Amino acid sequence: MPWDPVQLSDGNVMPSIAYGTWRTGKGQQPVDSLNQAFTAGIRHVDTAQNYRNEPEAGMAIRSCGLPRESIFVTTKWSRLDGLDIATSFKNSLKNLDLTYIDLYLIHGAELCDEDGIEKCWEEMEKIKESGLAKSIGVSNFEVPDLEKVFAMAKHVPVVNQILLHPYVYSQQLSIIELCKEKGIIVEAYSPLIPVTKHPGGPVDKPVGAIAKRLGVSMDQVLLAWAKEKGTVPVTMSQNKKRLDGYISAGSLTLSSQDMKLIDEAAKEGV
């Protein structure tokens, strides 16, 4: 398998590439998109309260024909409608129509401003201890936010899901290094931004040259870059050929020189 599963610090195992449902919308579209992702070989679904498509994600999971235990499901507390963590989690279980969630995340530290990060994390730990979420983690947490959790946690977050692509790598490095020190897996969302949002930027030259040399696409090189950085990419496409390419990217190997050229070009910014 090109994308080898990763071991989480709590002993659970997570697929190392995820399909994000942020931009798939509602209705039949996310159901069809996820089923296509499952057909391509992706087994990690990433959704959230405020994506408002948990019911559709659950429908795809239940109807795809795959065993529930073979699909890793992540959702997030987004303080949607001002609801607290415990209530939101129950609603997510109901929306997904699942008996458990594999990974439950706090969608952002700012959501805890009302109660405090420490209180929020206590609520997350109760959910883990209930067994209804196998693992718990965070998203968009910066170093000071993580340190507040570390100071009181019985269960350290297994994941921190952050924006990560070459153009923001240097800004995110302190978070990445702290997570590595604490055994926290970094999930990289929007890893393809250099080609989807900033085509023609400085990173295009090295990424394009590497893609040409390896006979692959630029987005495959960016996914390989994210993997080489030790992160789990969260991405999406509604194009079957691209999804197949995403799976193939797990088998790519970038040299240290390749990585250096991409990182150096990214420092020029966009």
C-alpha atoms as a PDB file:
ATOM      1  CA  MET A   1       0.000   0.000   0.000  1.00  0.00           C
ATOM      2  CA  PRO A   2       1.611   3.287  -1.066  1.00  0.00           C
ATOM      3  CA  TRP A   3       0.152   5.357   1.783  1.00  0.00           C
ATOM      4  CA  ASP A   4       1.173   3.362   4.832  1.00  0.00           C
ATOM      5  CA  PRO A   5      -1.047   3.802   7.920  1.00  0.00           C
ATOM      6  CA  VAL A   6       0.373   5.924  10.728  1.00  0.00           C
ATOM      7  CA  GLN A   7       0.465   4.946  14.378  1.00  0.00           C
ATOM      8  CA  LEU A   8      -1.160   7.442  16.719  1.00  0.00           C
ATOM      9  CA  SER A   9       0.226   8.059  20.196  1.00  0.00           C
ATOM     10  CA  ASP A  10      -2.825   6.460  21.820  1.00  0.00           C
ATOM     11  CA  GLY A  11      -2.220   3.177  19.998  1.00  0.00           C
ATOM     12  CA  ASN A  12      -4.816   3.643  17.280  1.00  0.00           C
ATOM     13  CA  VAL A  13      -3.935   3.609  13.575  1.00  0.00           C
ATOM     14  CA  MET A  14      -4.910   6.219  10.972  1.00  0.00           C
ATOM     15  CA  PRO A  15      -4.734   6.131   7.157  1.00  0.00           C
ATOM     16  CA  SER A  16      -2.061   8.545   5.969  1.00  0.00           C
ATOM     17  CA  ILE A  17      -4.085  10.414   3.334  1.00  0.00           C
ATOM     18  CA  ALA A  18      -7.546  11.858   3.950  1.00  0.00           C
ATOM     19  CA  TYR A  19     -10.402  13.039   1.760  1.00  0.00           C
ATOM     20  CA  GLY A  20     -11.625  16.428   2.944  1.00  0.00           C
ATOM     21  CA  THR A  21     -15.313  17.252   2.483  1.00  0.00           C
ATOM     22  CA  TRP A  22     -14.971  20.996   3.170  1.00  0.00           C
ATOM     23  CA  ARG A  23     -15.710  22.033  -0.427  1.00  0.00           C
ATOM     24  CA  THR A  24     -18.025  19.219  -1.482  1.00  0.00           C
ATOM     25  CA  GLY A  25     -21.172  21.028  -0.369  1.00  0.00           C
ATOM     26  CA  LYS A  26     -24.423  19.300   0.631  1.00  0.00           C
ATOM     27  CA  GLY A  27     -26.907  16.984  -1.019  1.00  0.00           C
ATOM     28  CA  GLN A  28     -25.924  14.175  -3.361  1.00  0.00           C
ATOM     29  CA  GLN A  29     -22.581  15.711  -4.368  1.00  0.00           C
ATOM     30  CA  PRO A  30     -20.600  14.799  -1.221  1.00  0.00           C
ATOM     31  CA  VAL A  31     -22.094  11.287  -1.261  1.00  0.00           C
ATOM     32  CA  ASP A  32     -20.958  10.745  -4.850  1.00  0.00           C
ATOM     33  CA  SER A  33     -17.572  12.391  -4.204  1.00  0.00           C
ATOM     34  CA  LEU A  34     -16.849  10.186  -1.204  1.00  0.00           C
ATOM     35  CA  ASN A  35     -17.928   7.026  -2.991  1.00  0.00           C
ATOM     36  CA  GLN A  36     -15.556   7.923  -5.808  1.00  0.00           C
ATOM     37  CA  ALA A  37     -12.779   8.478  -3.248  1.00  0.00           C
ATOM     38  CA  PHE A  38     -13.483   5.079  -1.701  1.00  0.00           C
ATOM     39  CA  THR A  39     -13.304   3.480  -5.145  1.00  0.00           C
ATOM     40  CA  ALA A  40      -9.904   5.128  -5.687  1.00  0.00           C
ATOM     41  CA  GLY A  41      -8.650   3.616  -2.426  1.00  0.00           C
ATOM     42  CA  ILE A  42      -8.966   6.447   0.104  1.00  0.00           C
ATOM     43  CA  ARG A  43     -10.179   5.229   3.487  1.00  0.00           C
ATOM     44  CA  HIS A  44     -10.052   8.393   5.597  1.00  0.00           C
ATOM     45  CA  VAL A  45     -13.036  10.783   5.638  1.00  0.00           C
ATOM     46  CA  ASP A  46     -12.553  14.275   7.068  1.00  0.00           C
ATOM     47  CA  THR A  47     -15.642  16.343   7.856  1.00  0.00           C
ATOM     48  CA  ALA A  48     -16.771  18.864  10.488  1.00  0.00           C
ATOM     49  CA  GLN A  49     -19.835  20.366  12.120  1.00  0.00           C
ATOM     50  CA  ASN A  50     -19.653  23.565  10.137  1.00  0.00           C
ATOM     51  CA  TYR A  51     -19.213  21.840   6.773  1.00  0.00           C
ATOM     52  CA  ARG A  52     -22.869  20.892   7.271  1.00  0.00           C
ATOM     53  CA  ASN A  53     -22.459  17.646   5.358  1.00  0.00           C
ATOM     54  CA  GLU A  54     -22.057  15.082   8.138  1.00  0.00           C
ATOM     55  CA  PRO A  55     -25.341  13.361   7.137  1.00  0.00           C
ATOM     56  CA  GLU A  56     -24.094  12.977   3.555  1.00  0.00           C
ATOM     57  CA  ALA A  57     -20.707  11.706   4.759  1.00  0.00           C
ATOM     58  CA  GLY A  58     -22.475   9.144   6.925  1.00  0.00           C
ATOM     59  CA  MET A  59     -24.677   8.087   4.024  1.00  0.00           C
ATOM     60  CA  ALA A  60     -21.632   7.482   1.829  1.00  0.00           C
ATOM     61  CA  ILE A  61     -19.876   5.517   4.574  1.00  0.00           C
ATOM     62  CA  ARG A  62     -22.890   3.301   5.214  1.00  0.00           C
ATOM     63  CA  SER A  63     -23.728   2.699   1.545  1.00  0.00           C
ATOM     64  CA  CYS A  64     -20.253   2.158   0.062  1.00  0.00           C
ATOM     65  CA  GLY A  65     -20.134  -1.567   0.774  1.00  0.00           C
ATOM     66  CA  LEU A  66     -16.930  -1.352   2.797  1.00  0.00           C
ATOM     67  CA  PRO A  67     -16.783  -2.578   6.405  1.00  0.00           C
ATOM     68  CA  ARG A  68     -17.209   0.307   8.862  1.00  0.00           C
ATOM     69  CA  GLU A  69     -13.953  -0.600  10.596  1.00  0.00           C
ATOM     70  CA  SER A  70     -12.034  -0.131   7.324  1.00  0.00           C
ATOM     71  CA  ILE A  71     -13.016   3.558   7.110  1.00  0.00           C
ATOM     72  CA  PHE A  72     -11.448   6.136   9.435  1.00  0.00           C
ATOM     73  CA  VAL A  73     -13.873   8.960  10.196  1.00  0.00           C
ATOM     74  CA  THR A  74     -12.810  12.383  11.468  1.00  0.00           C
ATOM     75  CA  THR A  75     -15.190  15.151  12.428  1.00  0.00           C
ATOM     76  CA  LYS A  76     -14.768  18.357  14.412  1.00  0.00           C
ATOM     77  CA  TRP A  77     -16.427  20.535  17.013  1.00  0.00           C
ATOM     78  CA  SER A  78     -16.918  23.920  15.350  1.00  0.00           C
ATOM     79  CA  ARG A  79     -19.204  25.508  17.985  1.00  0.00           C
ATOM     80  CA  LEU A  80     -21.917  25.482  15.339  1.00  0.00           C
ATOM     81  CA  ASP A  81     -25.016  27.293  16.592  1.00  0.00           C
ATOM     82  CA  GLY A  82     -23.127  28.023  19.825  1.00  0.00           C
ATOM     83  CA  LEU A  83     -23.397  24.424  21.003  1.00  0.00           C
ATOM     84  CA  ASP A  84     -20.965  22.996  23.541  1.00  0.00           C
ATOM     85  CA  ILE A  85     -18.643  20.059  22.879  1.00  0.00           C
ATOM     86  CA  ALA A  86     -20.737  17.341  24.520  1.00  0.00           C
ATOM     87  CA  THR A  87     -23.943  18.337  22.722  1.00  0.00           C
ATOM     88  CA  SER A  88     -22.156  18.869  19.412  1.00  0.00           C
ATOM     89  CA  PHE A  89     -20.530  15.451  19.611  1.00  0.00           C
ATOM     90  CA  LYS A  90     -23.890  13.752  20.191  1.00  0.00           C
ATOM     91  CA  ASN A  91     -25.289  15.656  17.219  1.00  0.00           C
ATOM     92  CA  SER A  92     -22.356  14.606  15.030  1.00  0.00           C
ATOM     93  CA  LEU A  93     -22.871  10.941  15.947  1.00  0.00           C
ATOM     94  CA  LYS A  94     -26.556  11.309  15.079  1.00  0.00           C
ATOM     95  CA  ASN A  95     -25.848  13.180  11.835  1.00  0.00           C
ATOM     96  CA  LEU A  96     -23.303  10.615  10.714  1.00  0.00           C
ATOM     97  CA  ASP A  97     -25.550   7.801  11.985  1.00  0.00           C
ATOM     98  CA  LEU A  98     -22.525   5.939  13.288  1.00  0.00           C
ATOM     99  CA  THR A  99     -21.946   4.189  16.613  1.00  0.00           C
ATOM    100  CA  TYR A 100     -18.494   5.741  17.067  1.00  0.00           C
ATOM    101  CA  ILE A 101     -16.142   8.300  15.537  1.00  0.00           C
ATOM    102  CA  ASP A 102     -12.488   7.460  14.958  1.00  0.00           C
ATOM    103  CA  LEU A 103     -11.109  10.960  15.550  1.00  0.00           C
ATOM    104  CA  TYR A 104     -12.783  14.019  17.073  1.00  0.00           C
ATOM    105  CA  LEU A 105     -11.087  17.405  16.838  1.00  0.00           C
ATOM    106  CA  ILE A 106     -11.491  20.904  18.246  1.00  0.00           C
ATOM    107  CA  HIS A 107     -11.730  22.900  15.022  1.00  0.00           C
ATOM    108  CA  GLY A 108      -9.807  25.909  16.333  1.00  0.00           C
ATOM    109  CA  ALA A 109      -8.440  27.248  19.611  1.00  0.00           C
ATOM    110  CA  GLU A 110     -10.510  30.428  19.289  1.00  0.00           C
ATOM    111  CA  LEU A 111     -13.647  28.324  19.781  1.00  0.00           C
ATOM    112  CA  CYS A 112     -12.526  27.820  23.373  1.00  0.00           C
ATOM    113  CA  ASP A 113     -12.343  31.542  24.200  1.00  0.00           C
ATOM    114  CA  GLU A 114     -15.579  31.384  26.175  1.00  0.00           C
ATOM    115  CA  ASP A 115     -14.657  28.376  28.338  1.00  0.00           C
ATOM    116  CA  GLY A 116     -10.874  28.232  28.083  1.00  0.00           C
ATOM    117  CA  ILE A 117      -8.755  25.669  26.267  1.00  0.00           C
ATOM    118  CA  GLU A 118      -8.282  23.644  29.451  1.00  0.00           C
ATOM    119  CA  LYS A 119     -12.028  23.228  30.022  1.00  0.00           C
ATOM    120  CA  CYS A 120     -12.560  22.349  26.371  1.00  0.00           C
ATOM    121  CA  TRP A 121      -9.892  19.681  26.524  1.00  0.00           C
ATOM    122  CA  GLU A 122     -11.425  18.180  29.664  1.00  0.00           C
ATOM    123  CA  GLU A 123     -14.657  17.776  27.695  1.00  0.00           C
ATOM    124  CA  MET A 124     -12.769  16.145  24.834  1.00  0.00           C
ATOM    125  CA  GLU A 125     -11.134  13.708  27.240  1.00  0.00           C
ATOM    126  CA  LYS A 126     -14.541  12.693  28.599  1.00  0.00           C
ATOM    127  CA  ILE A 127     -15.604  11.826  25.053  1.00  0.00           C
ATOM    128  CA  LYS A 128     -12.504   9.694  24.530  1.00  0.00           C
ATOM    129  CA  GLU A 129     -13.011   7.943  27.841  1.00  0.00           C
ATOM    130  CA  SER A 130     -16.621   7.186  26.860  1.00  0.00           C
ATOM    131  CA  GLY A 131     -15.286   5.147  23.920  1.00  0.00           C
ATOM    132  CA  LEU A 132     -17.550   6.962  21.482  1.00  0.00           C
ATOM    133  CA  ALA A 133     -14.511   8.666  19.953  1.00  0.00           C
ATOM    134  CA  LYS A 134     -11.487   6.421  19.695  1.00  0.00           C
ATOM    135  CA  SER A 135      -9.034   9.319  19.436  1.00  0.00           C
ATOM    136  CA  ILE A 136      -9.108  13.062  20.098  1.00  0.00           C
ATOM    137  CA  GLY A 137      -7.077  15.920  18.722  1.00  0.00           C
ATOM    138  CA  VAL A 138      -7.063  19.538  17.620  1.00  0.00           C
ATOM    139  CA  SER A 139      -7.009  21.663  14.494  1.00  0.00           C
ATOM    140  CA  ASN A 140      -5.410  25.052  13.848  1.00  0.00           C
ATOM    141  CA  PHE A 141      -3.729  25.064  17.281  1.00  0.00           C
ATOM    142  CA  GLU A 142      -0.589  27.163  17.562  1.00  0.00           C
ATOM    143  CA  VAL A 143       2.285  26.635  19.996  1.00  0.00           C
ATOM    144  CA  PRO A 144       0.791  28.588  22.956  1.00  0.00           C
ATOM    145  CA  ASP A 145      -2.532  26.773  22.498  1.00  0.00           C
ATOM    146  CA  LEU A 146      -0.841  23.379  22.522  1.00  0.00           C
ATOM    147  CA  GLU A 147       1.178  24.265  25.604  1.00  0.00           C
ATOM    148  CA  LYS A 148      -2.034  25.000  27.519  1.00  0.00           C
ATOM    149  CA  VAL A 149      -3.262  21.518  26.632  1.00  0.00           C
ATOM    150  CA  PHE A 150       0.022  19.855  27.585  1.00  0.00           C
ATOM    151  CA  ALA A 151      -0.048  21.505  31.011  1.00  0.00           C
ATOM    152  CA  MET A 152      -3.192  19.640  32.071  1.00  0.00           C
ATOM    153  CA  ALA A 153      -3.880  16.809  29.628  1.00  0.00           C
ATOM    154  CA  LYS A 154      -4.364  13.206  30.648  1.00  0.00           C
ATOM    155  CA  HIS A 155      -4.621  12.377  26.951  1.00  0.00           C
ATOM    156  CA  VAL A 156      -2.339  14.381  24.660  1.00  0.00           C
ATOM    157  CA  PRO A 157      -3.896  15.248  21.272  1.00  0.00           C
ATOM    158  CA  VAL A 158      -2.969  12.624  18.717  1.00  0.00           C
ATOM    159  CA  VAL A 159      -3.336  15.038  15.793  1.00  0.00           C
ATOM    160  CA  ASN A 160      -3.049  18.744  15.001  1.00  0.00           C
ATOM    161  CA  GLN A 161      -4.609  19.516  11.630  1.00  0.00           C
ATOM    162  CA  ILE A 162      -3.133  22.719  10.175  1.00  0.00           C
ATOM    163  CA  LEU A 163      -2.844  24.609   6.912  1.00  0.00           C
ATOM    164  CA  LEU A 164       0.348  23.345   5.316  1.00  0.00           C
ATOM    165  CA  HIS A 165       1.899  23.744   1.888  1.00  0.00           C
ATOM    166  CA  PRO A 166       5.344  24.967   0.779  1.00  0.00           C
ATOM    167  CA  TYR A 167       4.487  28.679   0.965  1.00  0.00           C
ATOM    168  CA  VAL A 168       3.500  28.497   4.654  1.00  0.00           C
ATOM    169  CA  TYR A 169       5.935  25.794   5.772  1.00  0.00           C
ATOM    170  CA  SER A 170       8.438  28.171   7.402  1.00  0.00           C
ATOM    171  CA  GLN A 171       5.651  29.947   9.340  1.00  0.00           C
ATOM    172  CA  GLN A 172       4.273  26.630  10.566  1.00  0.00           C
ATOM    173  CA  LEU A 173       7.629  25.065  11.402  1.00  0.00           C
ATOM    174  CA  SER A 174       7.543  25.802  15.146  1.00  0.00           C
ATOM    175  CA  ILE A 175       4.166  24.034  15.393  1.00  0.00           C
ATOM    176  CA  ILE A 176       5.429  21.088  13.351  1.00  0.00           C
ATOM    177  CA  GLU A 177       8.538  20.723  15.507  1.00  0.00           C
ATOM    178  CA  LEU A 178       6.590  20.864  18.773  1.00  0.00           C
ATOM    179  CA  CYS A 179       4.128  18.288  17.502  1.00  0.00           C
ATOM    180  CA  LYS A 180       6.975  15.986  16.498  1.00  0.00           C
ATOM    181  CA  GLU A 181       8.535  16.363  19.950  1.00  0.00           C
ATOM    182  CA  LYS A 182       5.230  15.409  21.603  1.00  0.00           C
ATOM    183  CA  GLY A 183       4.381  12.553  19.227  1.00  0.00           C
ATOM    184  CA  ILE A 184       1.494  14.427  17.606  1.00  0.00           C
ATOM    185  CA  ILE A 185       0.735  13.704  13.945  1.00  0.00           C
ATOM    186  CA  VAL A 186       0.417  16.829  11.808  1.00  0.00           C
ATOM    187  CA  GLU A 187      -2.361  16.666   9.257  1.00  0.00           C
ATOM    188  CA  ALA A 188      -1.755  19.043   6.349  1.00  0.00           C
ATOM    189  CA  TYR A 189      -4.874  20.554   4.864  1.00  0.00           C
ATOM    190  CA  SER A 190      -4.840  22.422   1.533  1.00  0.00           C
ATOM    191  CA  PRO A 191      -1.434  21.000   0.514  1.00  0.00           C
ATOM    192  CA  LEU A 192      -2.113  21.716  -3.166  1.00  0.00           C
ATOM    193  CA  ILE A 193      -2.611  25.478  -2.803  1.00  0.00           C
ATOM    194  CA  PRO A 194       0.575  26.310  -4.775  1.00  0.00           C
ATOM    195  CA  VAL A 195      -0.987  24.847  -7.923  1.00  0.00           C
ATOM    196  CA  THR A 196      -4.687  25.490  -7.219  1.00  0.00           C
ATOM    197  CA  LYS A 197      -4.530  29.063  -5.871  1.00  0.00           C
ATOM    198  CA  HIS A 198      -1.081  30.393  -6.807  1.00  0.00           C
ATOM    199  CA  PRO A 199      -0.139  28.954 -10.205  1.00  0.00           C
ATOM    200  CA  GLY A 200       2.875  30.667 -11.684  1.00  0.00           C
ATOM    201  CA  GLY A 201       4.487  31.229  -8.283  1.00  0.00           C
ATOM    202  CA  PRO A 202       8.152  30.525  -7.449  1.00  0.00           C
ATOM    203  CA  VAL A 203       7.423  26.934  -6.365  1.00  0.00           C
ATOM    204  CA  ASP A 204       6.203  26.038  -9.853  1.00  0.00           C
ATOM    205  CA  LYS A 205       9.716  25.825 -11.262  1.00  0.00           C
ATOM    206  CA  PRO A 206      11.158  23.129  -8.975  1.00  0.00           C
ATOM    207  CA  VAL A 207       7.852  21.278  -8.613  1.00  0.00           C
ATOM    208  CA  GLY A 208       7.362  21.300 -12.387  1.00  0.00           C
ATOM    209  CA  ALA A 209      10.909  20.059 -13.018  1.00  0.00           C
ATOM    210  CA  ILE A 210      10.524  17.240 -10.469  1.00  0.00           C
ATOM    211  CA  ALA A 211       7.150  16.285 -11.952  1.00  0.00           C
ATOM    212  CA  LYS A 212       8.646  16.133 -15.436  1.00  0.00           C
ATOM    213  CA  ARG A 213      11.598  14.037 -14.251  1.00  0.00           C
ATOM    214  CA  LEU A 214       9.356  11.551 -12.432  1.00  0.00           C
ATOM    215  CA  GLY A 215       6.642  11.536 -15.095  1.00  0.00           C
ATOM    216  CA  VAL A 216       3.937  12.651 -12.683  1.00  0.00           C
ATOM    217  CA  SER A 217       1.732  15.705 -12.105  1.00  0.00           C
ATOM    218  CA  MET A 218       2.605  18.732  -9.995  1.00  0.00           C
ATOM    219  CA  ASP A 219      -0.118  17.961  -7.477  1.00  0.00           C
ATOM    220  CA  GLN A 220       1.362  14.488  -6.994  1.00  0.00           C
ATOM    221  CA  VAL A 221       4.737  16.087  -6.235  1.00  0.00           C
ATOM    222  CA  LEU A 222       3.128  18.376  -3.640  1.00  0.00           C
ATOM    223  CA  LEU A 223       1.466  15.401  -1.942  1.00  0.00           C
ATOM    224  CA  ALA A 224       4.809  13.602  -1.923  1.00  0.00           C
ATOM    225  CA  TRP A 225       6.355  16.750  -0.394  1.00  0.00           C
ATOM    226  CA  ALA A 226       3.738  16.692   2.388  1.00  0.00           C
ATOM    227  CA  LYS A 227       4.402  13.012   3.017  1.00  0.00           C
ATOM    228  CA  GLU A 228       8.171  13.577   3.069  1.00  0.00           C
ATOM    229  CA  LYS A 229       7.627  16.235   5.758  1.00  0.00           C
ATOM    230  CA  GLY A 230       6.060  13.522   7.906  1.00  0.00           C
ATOM    231  CA  THR A 231       2.515  14.867   7.617  1.00  0.00           C
ATOM    232  CA  VAL A 232      -0.822  13.377   6.613  1.00  0.00           C
ATOM    233  CA  PRO A 233      -2.326  15.349   3.698  1.00  0.00           C
ATOM    234  CA  VAL A 234      -6.027  16.194   3.665  1.00  0.00           C
ATOM    235  CA  THR A 235      -7.122  16.918   0.126  1.00  0.00           C
ATOM    236  CA  MET A 236      -9.977  16.353  -2.300  1.00  0.00           C
ATOM    237  CA  SER A 237     -10.973  16.177  -5.933  1.00  0.00           C
ATOM    238  CA  GLN A 238     -14.129  15.262  -7.783  1.00  0.00           C
ATOM    239  CA  ASN A 239     -12.024  14.059 -10.712  1.00  0.00           C
ATOM    240  CA  LYS A 240     -11.469  10.285 -10.657  1.00  0.00           C
ATOM    241  CA  LYS A 241      -8.196  10.479 -12.589  1.00  0.00           C
ATOM    242  CA  ARG A 242      -6.768  12.974 -10.096  1.00  0.00           C
ATOM    243  CA  LEU A 243      -7.853  10.819  -7.169  1.00  0.00           C
ATOM    244  CA  ASP A 244      -6.058   7.854  -8.716  1.00  0.00           C
ATOM    245  CA  GLY A 245      -3.011  10.113  -9.018  1.00  0.00           C
ATOM    246  CA  TYR A 246      -3.272  11.074  -5.353  1.00  0.00           C
ATOM    247  CA  ILE A 247      -3.131   7.408  -4.392  1.00  0.00           C
ATOM    248  CA  SER A 248      -0.138   6.838  -6.698  1.00  0.00           C
ATOM    249  CA  ALA A 249       1.667   9.799  -5.116  1.00  0.00           C
ATOM    250  CA  GLY A 250       2.111   7.729  -1.974  1.00  0.00           C
ATOM    251  CA  SER A 251       4.730   5.684  -3.806  1.00  0.00           C
ATOM    252  CA  LEU A 252       6.791   8.703  -4.909  1.00  0.00           C
ATOM    253  CA  THR A 253      10.134   9.414  -3.290  1.00  0.00           C
ATOM    254  CA  LEU A 254      11.554  12.935  -3.329  1.00  0.00           C
ATOM    255  CA  SER A 255      15.269  13.386  -2.727  1.00  0.00           C
ATOM    256  CA  SER A 256      16.666  15.713  -0.095  1.00  0.00           C
ATOM    257  CA  GLN A 257      17.713  17.972  -2.989  1.00  0.00           C
ATOM    258  CA  ASP A 258      14.155  17.979  -4.336  1.00  0.00           C
ATOM    259  CA  MET A 259      12.838  19.004  -0.932  1.00  0.00           C
ATOM    260  CA  LYS A 260      15.476  21.700  -0.560  1.00  0.00           C
ATOM    261  CA  LEU A 261      14.687  23.207  -3.967  1.00  0.00           C
ATOM    262  CA  ILE A 262      10.951  23.368  -3.178  1.00  0.00           C
ATOM    263  CA  ASP A 263      11.521  24.842   0.288  1.00  0.00           C
ATOM    264  CA  GLU A 264      13.977  27.449  -0.971  1.00  0.00           C
ATOM    265  CA  ALA A 265      11.666  28.527  -3.797  1.00  0.00           C
ATOM    266  CA  ALA A 266       8.753  28.777  -1.349  1.00  0.00           C
ATOM    267  CA  LYS A 267      10.666  31.292   0.777  1.00  0.00           C
ATOM    268  CA  GLU A 268      10.257  33.822  -2.062  1.00  0.00           C
ATOM    269  CA  GLY A 269       6.529  33.833  -1.287  1.00  0.00           C
ATOM    270  CA  VAL A 270       3.651  34.584  -3.630  1.00  0.00           C
END
